[in-house]
């Protein structure tokens, strides 16, 4: 199976930046796509960004122009660079890997944007 570990979250002021990492280990041969989701307190889990094995990317409208998803295949790691952060970006951020018919979730990392 696959294990995913997120890191890089923390407390940042509005307008600041953070870079999240999602490191994959285990049997990763079948993984085609990795996505970032976020969940704010009392809210449902929301898709933030998506990247395919070929490098194609998709972003939700609220983060376009501010967030960038990328991957380093040699390191089995996906990144989410977050710039111009807003208080409404505050959430727990999760990565999800999809391969074949199997889904894998990381444990999440907290991002708090506050003055």
Protein backbone atom coordinates (compact mmCIF):
# COMPACT_ATOMS: atom_id res chain seq x y z
CA UNK A 1 0.00 0.00 0.00
CA UNK A 2 0.86 3.70 -0.15
CA UNK A 3 1.51 6.10 2.71
CA UNK A 4 1.22 9.88 2.36
CA UNK A 5 2.72 12.39 4.80
CA UNK A 6 1.95 16.12 4.60
CA UNK A 7 4.18 18.78 6.09
CA UNK A 8 4.82 22.53 5.91
CA UNK A 9 1.73 23.96 7.57
CA UNK A 10 1.78 26.63 10.23
CA UNK A 11 0.69 30.11 11.23
CA UNK A 12 1.19 32.94 8.75
CA UNK A 13 -0.03 36.54 8.42
CA UNK A 14 -2.36 37.59 5.59
CA UNK A 15 -0.34 38.12 2.43
CA UNK A 16 2.29 35.62 3.50
CA UNK A 17 3.38 32.36 1.90
CA UNK A 18 3.72 28.69 2.80
CA UNK A 19 4.85 25.62 0.89
CA UNK A 20 3.22 22.30 1.69
CA UNK A 21 4.78 18.94 0.87
CA UNK A 22 3.20 15.53 0.38
CA UNK A 23 5.69 12.67 0.44
CA UNK A 24 4.62 9.25 -0.81
CA UNK A 25 6.12 5.90 0.11
CA UNK A 26 5.26 2.25 -0.39
CA UNK A 27 3.82 0.66 -3.51
CA UNK A 28 3.44 3.78 -5.63
CA UNK A 29 3.49 2.16 -9.07
CA UNK A 30 -0.23 2.57 -9.72
CA UNK A 31 -0.52 6.24 -8.68
CA UNK A 32 -1.60 8.50 -11.55
CA UNK A 33 -2.82 11.66 -9.84
CA UNK A 34 -2.32 13.51 -6.58
CA UNK A 35 -4.59 16.26 -5.33
CA UNK A 36 -4.72 18.71 -2.43
CA UNK A 37 -7.92 19.18 -0.44
CA UNK A 38 -8.71 21.43 2.48
CA UNK A 39 -11.29 21.38 5.24
CA UNK A 40 -12.14 24.43 7.34
CA UNK A 41 -13.80 24.03 10.77
CA UNK A 42 -17.42 23.01 10.35
CA UNK A 43 -17.09 22.77 6.56
CA UNK A 44 -16.85 19.97 4.04
CA UNK A 45 -13.66 18.89 2.35
CA UNK A 46 -12.89 21.02 -0.73
CA UNK A 47 -10.69 20.20 -3.71
CA UNK A 48 -7.91 22.80 -4.02
CA UNK A 49 -5.59 21.56 -6.77
CA UNK A 50 -4.93 18.49 -8.88
CA UNK A 51 -1.92 17.21 -10.82
CA UNK A 52 -1.69 14.22 -13.16
CA UNK A 53 1.26 11.93 -13.78
CA UNK A 54 1.86 13.90 -16.99
CA UNK A 55 2.01 17.22 -15.16
CA UNK A 56 -1.39 18.66 -16.07
CA UNK A 57 -2.86 20.84 -13.32
CA UNK A 58 -6.26 22.13 -12.25
CA UNK A 59 -7.10 24.68 -9.55
CA UNK A 60 -10.27 25.75 -7.85
CA UNK A 61 -11.23 29.33 -8.72
CA UNK A 62 -10.58 30.72 -5.26
CA UNK A 63 -6.84 29.90 -5.40
CA UNK A 64 -6.04 30.52 -9.08
CA UNK A 65 -3.10 32.88 -9.47
CA UNK A 66 -2.04 32.37 -5.85
CA UNK A 67 -1.35 28.62 -5.45
CA UNK A 68 0.86 26.36 -7.56
CA UNK A 69 0.92 22.56 -7.45
CA UNK A 70 4.01 20.71 -8.67
CA UNK A 71 5.65 17.31 -8.35
CA UNK A 72 9.14 15.89 -8.11
CA UNK A 73 8.82 12.33 -9.35
CA UNK A 74 12.37 11.40 -8.34
CA UNK A 75 11.51 12.26 -4.73
CA UNK A 76 7.93 10.94 -4.89
CA UNK A 77 6.79 14.28 -3.53
CA UNK A 78 4.08 16.77 -4.49
CA UNK A 79 4.17 20.41 -3.40
CA UNK A 80 1.62 23.16 -2.96
CA UNK A 81 3.14 26.64 -3.02
CA UNK A 82 0.68 29.09 -1.45
CA UNK A 83 1.21 32.83 -1.91
CA UNK A 84 -0.87 35.88 -0.99
CA UNK A 85 -2.61 33.90 1.71
CA UNK A 86 -5.97 35.07 3.04
CA UNK A 87 -7.77 34.30 6.31
CA UNK A 88 -10.30 32.26 4.34
CA UNK A 89 -7.48 29.89 3.35
CA UNK A 90 -7.34 28.69 6.96
CA UNK A 91 -8.00 24.95 7.00
CA UNK A 92 -6.47 21.53 7.42
CA UNK A 93 -4.85 20.61 4.11
CA UNK A 94 -4.79 16.98 2.95
CA UNK A 95 -3.19 15.24 0.00
CA UNK A 96 -4.90 12.37 -1.80
CA UNK A 97 -3.34 9.86 -4.19
CA UNK A 98 -5.36 7.98 -6.80
CA UNK A 99 -4.15 4.85 -8.55
CA UNK A 100 -6.20 2.13 -10.15
CA UNK A 101 -9.29 1.77 -7.99
CA UNK A 102 -7.56 2.67 -4.71
CA UNK A 103 -7.51 6.00 -2.83
CA UNK A 104 -4.97 7.07 -0.21
CA UNK A 105 -5.21 10.04 2.18
CA UNK A 106 -2.57 11.77 4.25
CA UNK A 107 -3.12 12.81 7.86
CA UNK A 108 -3.40 16.54 7.12
CA UNK A 109 -1.43 19.65 8.06
CA UNK A 110 -2.91 22.78 9.65
CA UNK A 111 -2.67 26.13 7.86
CA UNK A 112 -3.76 29.20 9.84
CA UNK A 113 -3.80 32.67 8.26
CA UNK A 114 -4.31 35.37 10.87
CA UNK A 115 -3.00 38.74 11.95
